[in-house]
Each structure stands twice: as C-alpha cells, then as structure tokens.
Amino acid sequence: MDINAASVKQLRQQRGWTQQHLADACNISIRTIQRIEKGGSASNDTLQGLCAVFEVEQQVLRRVPHPEQHQLTTVSVYQQPGLLILAAGIGAFIGAAIMYLFLR
C-alpha cells in the first residue's frame, strides 16, 4: 500500500521521535520506517500500526495520487487522426473481403 512519506515523517518529528522510537512503538523494524519515509510502500498491517500509534485515520497516511496520474496512458483513436484513418481503412478492407467471399 502506498504511504505518504512526508506525512509519516512530519508526524514522527512533531512528536520528537526518532525512527527507532517509531519502529519500537509500531513493533516493526527501523528499516521499514526508513523505507516508508523514503517514499516506499508498506503492508496494511504496518499502515494500521502507524495509524494506531499516531492516532490518525488511514486517509491521513495514504498517498493520494496526483490527478494527472489517473489519466489513461493509452492513446484514443479519436486523438490521432492517422490511427482513425488506418482503422477505417482496415475495416473497409475486411468488409470488402467478406462481401467478396460470400457473394461470389
């Protein structure tokens, strides 16, 4: 699960805790805390542990993707006139071939 690294680090520093202190409080390794604060991901159990220790809801610690990350990466045929022409040409060829084969 993607964790908001900045939120975890900020909450930890606001309390004056070291990474080791947070790891001990959550009963996880310091390496896991280091990975989370560098922008990594964590298991759902780790997220729940962090939320319990910080006394926050999961939404506070989850990373929210930017809107531009939600955009489809595929190219629409309608956005590329060349692709639209190619698709129409292929469709016309297939249609003509089928008509020729069945109407002979």
C-alpha atoms as a PDB file:
ATOM      1  CA  MET A   1       0.000   0.000   0.000  1.00  0.00           C
ATOM      2  CA  ASP A   2       1.359   3.431  -0.882  1.00  0.00           C
ATOM      3  CA  ILE A   3       2.148   5.566   2.147  1.00  0.00           C
ATOM      4  CA  ASN A   4       2.575   9.342   2.209  1.00  0.00           C
ATOM      5  CA  ALA A   5       6.208   9.526   3.315  1.00  0.00           C
ATOM      6  CA  ALA A   6       6.043  13.224   4.163  1.00  0.00           C
ATOM      7  CA  SER A   7       3.072  12.712   6.492  1.00  0.00           C
ATOM      8  CA  VAL A   8       4.764   9.890   8.384  1.00  0.00           C
ATOM      9  CA  LYS A   9       7.973  11.863   8.783  1.00  0.00           C
ATOM     10  CA  GLN A  10       6.124  15.023   9.799  1.00  0.00           C
ATOM     11  CA  LEU A  11       4.010  13.227  12.414  1.00  0.00           C
ATOM     12  CA  ARG A  12       7.112  11.499  13.795  1.00  0.00           C
ATOM     13  CA  GLN A  13       9.102  14.725  14.004  1.00  0.00           C
ATOM     14  CA  GLN A  14       6.209  16.659  15.569  1.00  0.00           C
ATOM     15  CA  ARG A  15       6.344  14.204  18.435  1.00  0.00           C
ATOM     16  CA  GLY A  16      10.127  14.448  18.684  1.00  0.00           C
ATOM     17  CA  TRP A  17      10.519  10.740  17.973  1.00  0.00           C
ATOM     18  CA  THR A  18      13.429   9.034  16.290  1.00  0.00           C
ATOM     19  CA  GLN A  19      12.851   6.466  13.586  1.00  0.00           C
ATOM     20  CA  GLN A  20      13.876   3.803  16.113  1.00  0.00           C
ATOM     21  CA  HIS A  21      11.298   5.056  18.619  1.00  0.00           C
ATOM     22  CA  LEU A  22       8.547   4.895  15.992  1.00  0.00           C
ATOM     23  CA  ALA A  23       9.661   1.430  14.894  1.00  0.00           C
ATOM     24  CA  ASP A  24       9.562   0.198  18.501  1.00  0.00           C
ATOM     25  CA  ALA A  25       6.146   1.773  19.087  1.00  0.00           C
ATOM     26  CA  CYS A  26       4.754   0.041  15.970  1.00  0.00           C
ATOM     27  CA  ASN A  27       6.615  -3.213  16.642  1.00  0.00           C
ATOM     28  CA  ILE A  28       8.265  -3.113  13.204  1.00  0.00           C
ATOM     29  CA  SER A  29      11.851  -2.791  12.046  1.00  0.00           C
ATOM     30  CA  ILE A  30      13.648   0.517  11.713  1.00  0.00           C
ATOM     31  CA  ARG A  31      14.361  -0.487   8.110  1.00  0.00           C
ATOM     32  CA  THR A  32      10.611  -0.488   7.434  1.00  0.00           C
ATOM     33  CA  ILE A  33      10.321   3.044   8.831  1.00  0.00           C
ATOM     34  CA  GLN A  34      13.278   4.158   6.703  1.00  0.00           C
ATOM     35  CA  ARG A  35      11.707   2.637   3.591  1.00  0.00           C
ATOM     36  CA  ILE A  36       8.343   4.272   4.309  1.00  0.00           C
ATOM     37  CA  GLU A  37       9.914   7.700   4.872  1.00  0.00           C
ATOM     38  CA  LYS A  38      11.809   7.392   1.598  1.00  0.00           C
ATOM     39  CA  GLY A  39       8.511   7.027  -0.223  1.00  0.00           C
ATOM     40  CA  GLY A  40       8.096   3.285  -0.292  1.00  0.00           C
ATOM     41  CA  SER A  41       5.081   1.204   0.426  1.00  0.00           C
ATOM     42  CA  ALA A  42       4.001  -0.772   3.449  1.00  0.00           C
ATOM     43  CA  SER A  43       1.677  -3.612   4.279  1.00  0.00           C
ATOM     44  CA  ASN A  44      -1.825  -2.969   5.517  1.00  0.00           C
ATOM     45  CA  ASP A  45      -0.771  -4.191   8.987  1.00  0.00           C
ATOM     46  CA  THR A  46       2.062  -1.645   9.063  1.00  0.00           C
ATOM     47  CA  LEU A  47      -0.318   1.114   7.978  1.00  0.00           C
ATOM     48  CA  GLN A  48      -2.741   0.163  10.744  1.00  0.00           C
ATOM     49  CA  GLY A  49       0.098   0.153  13.266  1.00  0.00           C
ATOM     50  CA  LEU A  50       1.243   3.606  12.210  1.00  0.00           C
ATOM     51  CA  CYS A  51      -2.322   4.922  12.393  1.00  0.00           C
ATOM     52  CA  ALA A  52      -2.766   3.490  15.882  1.00  0.00           C
ATOM     53  CA  VAL A  53       0.498   4.981  17.154  1.00  0.00           C
ATOM     54  CA  PHE A  54      -0.133   8.391  15.581  1.00  0.00           C
ATOM     55  CA  GLU A  55      -3.860   8.232  16.425  1.00  0.00           C
ATOM     56  CA  VAL A  56      -4.919   9.207  12.909  1.00  0.00           C
ATOM     57  CA  GLU A  57      -7.209   7.757  10.241  1.00  0.00           C
ATOM     58  CA  GLN A  58      -5.711   5.758   7.363  1.00  0.00           C
ATOM     59  CA  GLN A  59      -6.575   8.517   4.876  1.00  0.00           C
ATOM     60  CA  VAL A  60      -4.028  10.770   6.608  1.00  0.00           C
ATOM     61  CA  LEU A  61      -1.175   8.382   5.828  1.00  0.00           C
ATOM     62  CA  ARG A  62      -2.211   7.043   2.446  1.00  0.00           C
ATOM     63  CA  ARG A  63      -0.566   8.571  -0.572  1.00  0.00           C
ATOM     64  CA  VAL A  64      -3.078  10.289  -2.822  1.00  0.00           C
ATOM     65  CA  PRO A  65      -2.045  10.167  -6.466  1.00  0.00           C
ATOM     66  CA  HIS A  66      -1.999  13.393  -8.430  1.00  0.00           C
ATOM     67  CA  PRO A  67      -4.885  13.807 -10.897  1.00  0.00           C
ATOM     68  CA  GLU A  68      -2.514  13.555 -13.852  1.00  0.00           C
ATOM     69  CA  GLN A  69      -1.534  10.065 -12.654  1.00  0.00           C
ATOM     70  CA  HIS A  70      -5.112   8.923 -13.144  1.00  0.00           C
ATOM     71  CA  GLN A  71      -5.176   9.810 -16.817  1.00  0.00           C
ATOM     72  CA  LEU A  72      -5.169   6.918 -19.211  1.00  0.00           C
ATOM     73  CA  THR A  73      -1.862   6.312 -20.850  1.00  0.00           C
ATOM     74  CA  THR A  74      -3.406   4.704 -23.905  1.00  0.00           C
ATOM     75  CA  VAL A  75      -3.945   6.798 -26.990  1.00  0.00           C
ATOM     76  CA  SER A  76      -7.511   7.180 -28.143  1.00  0.00           C
ATOM     77  CA  VAL A  77      -8.128   6.565 -31.812  1.00  0.00           C
ATOM     78  CA  TYR A  78     -10.031   9.844 -31.931  1.00  0.00           C
ATOM     79  CA  GLN A  79      -6.999  11.782 -30.665  1.00  0.00           C
ATOM     80  CA  GLN A  80      -4.858  10.546 -33.543  1.00  0.00           C
ATOM     81  CA  PRO A  81      -6.399  11.193 -36.976  1.00  0.00           C
ATOM     82  CA  GLY A  82      -3.857   8.871 -38.625  1.00  0.00           C
ATOM     83  CA  LEU A  83      -4.968   5.977 -36.439  1.00  0.00           C
ATOM     84  CA  LEU A  84      -8.611   6.711 -37.201  1.00  0.00           C
ATOM     85  CA  ILE A  85      -7.920   6.657 -40.949  1.00  0.00           C
ATOM     86  CA  LEU A  86      -5.909   3.440 -40.616  1.00  0.00           C
ATOM     87  CA  ALA A  87      -8.661   1.758 -38.588  1.00  0.00           C
ATOM     88  CA  ALA A  88     -11.311   2.831 -41.098  1.00  0.00           C
ATOM     89  CA  GLY A  89      -9.184   1.550 -43.986  1.00  0.00           C
ATOM     90  CA  ILE A  90      -8.614  -1.827 -42.340  1.00  0.00           C
ATOM     91  CA  GLY A  91     -12.321  -2.105 -41.537  1.00  0.00           C
ATOM     92  CA  ALA A  92     -13.255  -1.294 -45.127  1.00  0.00           C
ATOM     93  CA  PHE A  93     -10.795  -3.865 -46.459  1.00  0.00           C
ATOM     94  CA  ILE A  94     -12.088  -6.593 -44.143  1.00  0.00           C
ATOM     95  CA  GLY A  95     -15.691  -5.719 -45.009  1.00  0.00           C
ATOM     96  CA  ALA A  96     -14.964  -5.819 -48.751  1.00  0.00           C
ATOM     97  CA  ALA A  97     -13.132  -9.150 -48.410  1.00  0.00           C
ATOM     98  CA  ILE A  98     -16.059 -10.686 -46.537  1.00  0.00           C
ATOM     99  CA  MET A  99     -18.549  -9.406 -49.096  1.00  0.00           C
ATOM    100  CA  TYR A 100     -16.424 -10.772 -51.950  1.00  0.00           C
ATOM    101  CA  LEU A 101     -16.102 -14.208 -50.336  1.00  0.00           C
ATOM    102  CA  PHE A 102     -19.779 -14.612 -49.520  1.00  0.00           C
ATOM    103  CA  LEU A 103     -21.329 -13.051 -52.622  1.00  0.00           C
ATOM    104  CA  ARG A 104     -19.306 -14.941 -55.226  1.00  0.00           C
END
